[in-house]
C-alpha atoms as a PDB file:
ATOM      1  CA  MET A   1     -84.917 -30.258 -28.441  1.00  0.00           C
ATOM      2  CA  LYS A   2     -83.301 -27.000 -28.348  1.00  0.00           C
ATOM      3  CA  PHE A   3     -79.898 -26.653 -30.004  1.00  0.00           C
ATOM      4  CA  SER A   4     -77.726 -23.832 -29.039  1.00  0.00           C
ATOM      5  CA  ARG A   5     -76.298 -21.779 -31.785  1.00  0.00           C
ATOM      6  CA  ARG A   6     -72.601 -21.575 -31.991  1.00  0.00           C
ATOM      7  CA  ALA A   7     -71.073 -18.213 -31.694  1.00  0.00           C
ATOM      8  CA  ARG A   8     -70.028 -17.093 -35.117  1.00  0.00           C
ATOM      9  CA  GLN A   9     -66.366 -16.114 -35.323  1.00  0.00           C
ATOM     10  CA  GLU A  10     -65.405 -13.150 -37.411  1.00  0.00           C
ATOM     11  CA  VAL A  11     -63.154 -14.046 -40.344  1.00  0.00           C
ATOM     12  CA  GLU A  12     -59.935 -12.168 -39.951  1.00  0.00           C
ATOM     13  CA  VAL A  13     -57.062 -12.024 -42.420  1.00  0.00           C
ATOM     14  CA  ASN A  14     -53.729 -11.270 -40.836  1.00  0.00           C
ATOM     15  CA  LEU A  15     -51.709  -9.142 -43.287  1.00  0.00           C
ATOM     16  CA  THR A  16     -48.530  -8.961 -41.226  1.00  0.00           C
ATOM     17  CA  PRO A  17     -46.814 -12.040 -42.780  1.00  0.00           C
ATOM     18  CA  LEU A  18     -47.754 -10.854 -46.269  1.00  0.00           C
ATOM     19  CA  ILE A  19     -46.221  -7.419 -45.648  1.00  0.00           C
ATOM     20  CA  ASP A  20     -43.078  -9.060 -44.219  1.00  0.00           C
ATOM     21  CA  VAL A  21     -42.671 -11.205 -47.338  1.00  0.00           C
ATOM     22  CA  VAL A  22     -43.142  -8.196 -49.627  1.00  0.00           C
ATOM     23  CA  PHE A  23     -40.503  -6.213 -47.725  1.00  0.00           C
ATOM     24  CA  LEU A  24     -38.078  -9.142 -47.849  1.00  0.00           C
ATOM     25  CA  LEU A  25     -38.572  -9.440 -51.614  1.00  0.00           C
ATOM     26  CA  LEU A  26     -38.038  -5.709 -51.996  1.00  0.00           C
ATOM     27  CA  ILE A  27     -34.789  -5.849 -50.019  1.00  0.00           C
ATOM     28  CA  PHE A  28     -33.630  -8.906 -52.001  1.00  0.00           C
ATOM     29  CA  PHE A  29     -34.184  -7.184 -55.359  1.00  0.00           C
ATOM     30  CA  MET A  30     -32.543  -3.968 -54.172  1.00  0.00           C
ATOM     31  CA  VAL A  31     -29.434  -5.818 -53.006  1.00  0.00           C
ATOM     32  CA  SER A  32     -29.152  -8.109 -56.025  1.00  0.00           C
ATOM     33  CA  THR A  33     -29.582  -5.348 -58.609  1.00  0.00           C
ATOM     34  CA  THR A  34     -26.413  -4.175 -60.290  1.00  0.00           C
ATOM     35  CA  PHE A  35     -26.046  -0.523 -61.045  1.00  0.00           C
ATOM     36  CA  THR A  36     -23.882   0.284 -64.026  1.00  0.00           C
ATOM     37  CA  LYS A  37     -22.425   3.626 -64.856  1.00  0.00           C
ATOM     38  CA  GLU A  38     -22.492   4.021 -68.595  1.00  0.00           C
ATOM     39  CA  THR A  39     -19.965   6.196 -70.295  1.00  0.00           C
ATOM     40  CA  HIS A  40     -20.811   8.032 -73.460  1.00  0.00           C
ATOM     41  CA  LEU A  41     -18.514   9.066 -76.233  1.00  0.00           C
ATOM     42  CA  SER A  42     -19.057  12.379 -77.909  1.00  0.00           C
ATOM     43  CA  ILE A  43     -18.599  11.943 -81.630  1.00  0.00           C
ATOM     44  CA  ASP A  44     -18.581  14.718 -84.174  1.00  0.00           C
ATOM     45  CA  LEU A  45     -20.208  13.224 -87.246  1.00  0.00           C
ATOM     46  CA  PRO A  46     -19.206  14.506 -90.669  1.00  0.00           C
ATOM     47  CA  GLU A  47     -21.684  16.681 -92.513  1.00  0.00           C
ATOM     48  CA  SER A  48     -22.220  16.851 -96.229  1.00  0.00           C
ATOM     49  CA  SER A  49     -22.119  20.109 -98.116  1.00  0.00           C
ATOM     50  CA  SER A  50     -22.721  20.966-101.739  1.00  0.00           C
ATOM     51  CA  GLN A  51     -19.360  22.689-102.051  1.00  0.00           C
ATOM     52  CA  SER A  52     -16.387  20.604-102.991  1.00  0.00           C
ATOM     53  CA  ASN A  53     -13.929  20.445-100.143  1.00  0.00           C
ATOM     54  CA  ARG A  54     -10.231  20.843-100.694  1.00  0.00           C
ATOM     55  CA  VAL A  55      -8.653  17.399-100.642  1.00  0.00           C
ATOM     56  CA  THR A  56      -5.171  17.288 -99.252  1.00  0.00           C
ATOM     57  CA  ASP A  57      -2.855  14.696-100.684  1.00  0.00           C
ATOM     58  CA  LEU A  58      -0.632  15.003 -97.655  1.00  0.00           C
ATOM     59  CA  GLN A  59      -1.710  12.513 -95.035  1.00  0.00           C
ATOM     60  CA  ILE A  60      -0.114   9.900 -92.845  1.00  0.00           C
ATOM     61  CA  GLU A  61      -1.434   6.389 -93.290  1.00  0.00           C
ATOM     62  CA  ILE A  62      -0.623   3.770 -90.684  1.00  0.00           C
ATOM     63  CA  MET A  63      -1.291   0.272 -91.973  1.00  0.00           C
ATOM     64  CA  ILE A  64      -1.574  -2.519 -89.404  1.00  0.00           C
ATOM     65  CA  THR A  65      -1.344  -6.122 -90.597  1.00  0.00           C
ATOM     66  CA  GLN A  66      -3.023  -9.240 -89.214  1.00  0.00           C
ATOM     67  CA  GLU A  67       0.034  -9.948 -87.125  1.00  0.00           C
ATOM     68  CA  GLY A  68       0.106  -6.422 -85.687  1.00  0.00           C
ATOM     69  CA  ASP A  69       3.041  -5.105 -87.747  1.00  0.00           C
ATOM     70  CA  PHE A  70       3.023  -1.402 -88.650  1.00  0.00           C
ATOM     71  CA  ALA A  71       3.717   0.334 -91.958  1.00  0.00           C
ATOM     72  CA  ILE A  72       3.652   4.104 -92.420  1.00  0.00           C
ATOM     73  CA  ASN A  73       2.785   5.379 -95.904  1.00  0.00           C
ATOM     74  CA  GLY A  74       3.673   1.947 -97.312  1.00  0.00           C
ATOM     75  CA  VAL A  75       7.041   1.644 -95.544  1.00  0.00           C
ATOM     76  CA  ALA A  76       7.160  -1.243 -93.067  1.00  0.00           C
ATOM     77  CA  LEU A  77       8.648  -0.637 -89.625  1.00  0.00           C
ATOM     78  CA  ILE A  78      11.327  -2.939 -88.245  1.00  0.00           C
ATOM     79  CA  ASN A  79       9.406  -3.810 -85.059  1.00  0.00           C
ATOM     80  CA  ARG A  80       6.155  -3.218 -83.177  1.00  0.00           C
ATOM     81  CA  ASP A  81       7.533  -0.964 -80.423  1.00  0.00           C
ATOM     82  CA  GLN A  82       5.801   2.275 -79.510  1.00  0.00           C
ATOM     83  CA  SER A  83       9.099   4.145 -79.668  1.00  0.00           C
ATOM     84  CA  THR A  84       9.737   2.974 -83.248  1.00  0.00           C
ATOM     85  CA  LEU A  85       6.226   3.973 -84.285  1.00  0.00           C
ATOM     86  CA  ARG A  86       6.562   7.363 -82.548  1.00  0.00           C
ATOM     87  CA  ALA A  87       9.895   8.059 -84.265  1.00  0.00           C
ATOM     88  CA  ALA A  88       8.562   7.068 -87.697  1.00  0.00           C
ATOM     89  CA  ILE A  89       5.439   9.225 -87.354  1.00  0.00           C
ATOM     90  CA  GLY A  90       7.554  12.147 -86.155  1.00  0.00           C
ATOM     91  CA  LYS A  91       9.886  11.760 -89.124  1.00  0.00           C
ATOM     92  CA  VAL A  92       7.046  11.586 -91.681  1.00  0.00           C
ATOM     93  CA  SER A  93       5.041  14.444 -90.162  1.00  0.00           C
ATOM     94  CA  GLU A  94       8.069  16.656 -89.512  1.00  0.00           C
ATOM     95  CA  GLY A  95       6.331  17.949 -86.375  1.00  0.00           C
ATOM     96  CA  ASP A  96       3.147  19.077 -88.160  1.00  0.00           C
ATOM     97  CA  THR A  97       0.267  17.648 -86.094  1.00  0.00           C
ATOM     98  CA  ALA A  98      -2.400  19.213 -88.337  1.00  0.00           C
ATOM     99  CA  ILE A  99      -1.787  16.557 -91.005  1.00  0.00           C
ATOM    100  CA  PRO A 100      -4.683  14.086 -91.205  1.00  0.00           C
ATOM    101  CA  MET A 101      -3.855  10.572 -90.058  1.00  0.00           C
ATOM    102  CA  VAL A 102      -5.557   7.405 -91.290  1.00  0.00           C
ATOM    103  CA  ILE A 103      -5.182   4.202 -89.301  1.00  0.00           C
ATOM    104  CA  THR A 104      -6.032   1.195 -91.469  1.00  0.00           C
ATOM    105  CA  ALA A 105      -6.214  -2.185 -89.801  1.00  0.00           C
ATOM    106  CA  ASP A 106      -6.985  -5.649 -91.061  1.00  0.00           C
ATOM    107  CA  SER A 107     -10.223  -7.137 -89.756  1.00  0.00           C
ATOM    108  CA  ALA A 108      -8.220  -9.768 -87.867  1.00  0.00           C
ATOM    109  CA  THR A 109      -5.691  -7.326 -86.394  1.00  0.00           C
ATOM    110  CA  PRO A 110      -5.152  -7.575 -82.628  1.00  0.00           C
ATOM    111  CA  HIS A 111      -7.009  -4.761 -80.882  1.00  0.00           C
ATOM    112  CA  GLN A 112      -3.894  -3.824 -78.903  1.00  0.00           C
ATOM    113  CA  SER A 113      -2.058  -2.799 -82.083  1.00  0.00           C
ATOM    114  CA  VAL A 114      -4.817  -0.362 -83.031  1.00  0.00           C
ATOM    115  CA  VAL A 115      -4.870   1.038 -79.489  1.00  0.00           C
ATOM    116  CA  THR A 116      -1.088   1.447 -79.615  1.00  0.00           C
ATOM    117  CA  ALA A 117      -1.326   3.430 -82.863  1.00  0.00           C
ATOM    118  CA  LEU A 118      -4.105   5.618 -81.426  1.00  0.00           C
ATOM    119  CA  ASP A 119      -2.129   6.170 -78.232  1.00  0.00           C
ATOM    120  CA  VAL A 120       1.035   7.223 -80.077  1.00  0.00           C
ATOM    121  CA  ALA A 121      -0.959   9.572 -82.339  1.00  0.00           C
ATOM    122  CA  GLY A 122      -2.617  11.133 -79.296  1.00  0.00           C
ATOM    123  CA  GLN A 123       0.692  11.555 -77.472  1.00  0.00           C
ATOM    124  CA  LEU A 124       2.182  13.311 -80.500  1.00  0.00           C
ATOM    125  CA  GLY A 125      -0.809  15.689 -80.634  1.00  0.00           C
ATOM    126  CA  PHE A 126      -2.627  14.525 -83.762  1.00  0.00           C
ATOM    127  CA  SER A 127      -6.310  15.395 -83.639  1.00  0.00           C
ATOM    128  CA  ARG A 128      -7.465  14.599 -87.185  1.00  0.00           C
ATOM    129  CA  LEU A 129      -7.688  10.798 -87.018  1.00  0.00           C
ATOM    130  CA  SER A 130      -9.623   8.399 -89.204  1.00  0.00           C
ATOM    131  CA  ILE A 131      -9.930   4.670 -88.666  1.00  0.00           C
ATOM    132  CA  THR A 132     -10.578   2.300 -91.563  1.00  0.00           C
ATOM    133  CA  THR A 133     -10.554  -1.461 -91.894  1.00  0.00           C
ATOM    134  CA  THR A 134      -9.713  -3.914 -94.605  1.00  0.00           C
ATOM    135  CA  LEU A 135     -11.473  -7.244 -94.812  1.00  0.00           C
ATOM    136  CA  ASN A 136      -9.334 -10.328 -94.718  1.00  0.00           C
ATOM    137  CA  ASN A 137     -10.490 -12.409 -97.661  1.00  0.00           C
ATOM    138  CA  PRO A 138      -8.775 -15.836 -97.708  1.00  0.00           C
ATOM    139  CA  ALA A 139     -10.166 -16.616-101.187  1.00  0.00           C
ATOM    140  CA  ASP A 140      -7.998 -13.924-102.815  1.00  0.00           C
END
């Protein structure tokens, strides 16, 4: 008995569906990716020197309480308005914007109060600003 041999078929891998899936994944990841534009602040860090620097006793200190109330050089203001703060800073500084200004806020102070103080100082032309914080310690 003579059996006929079957014709051997060539094994063929079709890559077209695989390429389609890869392109679809690529498009999906490109569309779903979020691009963020990061902003950077330029900060001039203080440098130490061996010479003793002249310390000026004249400075304006703005204290901000937990509730957001302002006090300038220990004198409390009557309200939290920007105009009141601007007038008080103008009176204390007597128009001299070269005086260093220290903004001291409680650790629980609303952020808006600190931004208000910074905004008023910037509008008046103060460029020598320092920001400090005091810790709110309920045990004291």
